[in-house]
Amino acid sequence: MSRVLVAIIHVYQRFVSPLFPPRCKYYPTCSEYAVEALRVHGVWRGLLLAGWRLLRCNPLSDGGLDPVPPKRA
């Protein structure tokens, strides 16, 4: 399932994202963050982390460096 979601994000990055000016206030970008979160944490936690990141990426946010947290042991 995570491979399917990562593939969808890659399609977005390749075909949709270039149509708009860069506007993500964070590094890595929200789509890069989502891919890494899915790969590190799996589908459910990865989706939660990516969703929370998208909610934080707004005009009121300062942005900056926001790496995916490491997987809990």
Protein backbone atom coordinates (compact mmCIF):
# COMPACT_ATOMS: atom_id res chain seq x y z
CA MET A 1 0.00 0.00 0.00
CA SER A 2 2.79 2.46 0.83
CA ARG A 3 4.36 1.80 -2.58
CA VAL A 4 1.12 2.82 -4.27
CA LEU A 5 0.93 6.03 -2.23
CA VAL A 6 4.59 6.83 -2.95
CA ALA A 7 3.95 6.26 -6.67
CA ILE A 8 0.99 8.66 -6.56
CA ILE A 9 3.17 11.29 -4.86
CA HIS A 10 5.86 10.81 -7.52
CA VAL A 11 3.26 11.38 -10.26
CA TYR A 12 2.23 14.58 -8.46
CA GLN A 13 5.88 15.69 -8.19
CA ARG A 14 6.55 14.98 -11.87
CA PHE A 15 3.41 16.31 -13.55
CA VAL A 16 1.39 18.55 -11.20
CA SER A 17 3.94 20.30 -9.01
CA PRO A 18 5.86 21.89 -11.93
CA LEU A 19 2.67 23.70 -12.98
CA PHE A 20 2.77 25.84 -9.82
CA PRO A 21 5.45 28.12 -8.36
CA PRO A 22 7.41 26.68 -5.41
CA ARG A 23 5.63 27.62 -2.22
CA CYS A 24 6.46 25.06 0.44
CA LYS A 25 7.88 26.85 3.49
CA TYR A 26 9.58 23.75 4.82
CA TYR A 27 12.58 21.63 3.94
CA PRO A 28 12.15 18.93 2.81
CA THR A 29 9.12 19.88 0.72
CA CYS A 30 5.77 18.50 1.84
CA SER A 31 5.71 15.86 -0.89
CA GLU A 32 9.29 14.76 -0.13
CA TYR A 33 8.35 14.64 3.56
CA ALA A 34 5.30 12.46 2.77
CA VAL A 35 7.39 9.99 0.75
CA GLU A 36 9.98 9.69 3.52
CA ALA A 37 7.30 9.39 6.24
CA LEU A 38 5.61 6.57 4.32
CA ARG A 39 8.92 4.76 3.78
CA VAL A 40 10.09 5.12 7.39
CA HIS A 41 6.82 4.70 9.30
CA GLY A 42 4.54 2.75 6.99
CA VAL A 43 1.10 3.66 5.72
CA TRP A 44 -0.91 4.68 8.79
CA ARG A 45 1.68 6.64 10.77
CA GLY A 46 3.19 7.98 7.54
CA LEU A 47 -0.19 9.35 6.45
CA LEU A 48 -0.76 10.92 9.87
CA LEU A 49 2.66 12.60 9.79
CA ALA A 50 2.17 13.80 6.21
CA GLY A 51 -1.32 15.12 7.00
CA TRP A 52 -0.06 16.97 10.08
CA ARG A 53 2.74 18.47 7.97
CA LEU A 54 0.26 19.68 5.32
CA LEU A 55 -1.83 21.35 8.02
CA ARG A 56 1.26 23.15 9.33
CA CYS A 57 2.34 24.36 5.88
CA ASN A 58 0.31 27.56 5.71
CA PRO A 59 0.87 31.33 5.44
CA LEU A 60 0.99 31.71 9.23
CA SER A 61 3.80 29.18 9.62
CA ASP A 62 7.46 30.18 9.89
CA GLY A 63 8.54 27.06 7.99
CA GLY A 64 12.15 25.92 8.09
CA LEU A 65 13.84 22.57 8.58
CA ASP A 66 11.34 19.85 9.53
CA PRO A 67 12.72 16.32 9.08
CA VAL A 68 10.64 13.18 9.45
CA PRO A 69 11.02 11.90 13.02
CA PRO A 70 12.88 8.61 13.43
CA LYS A 71 10.91 5.42 13.86
CA ARG A 72 10.21 4.55 17.48
CA ALA A 73 11.72 1.33 18.75
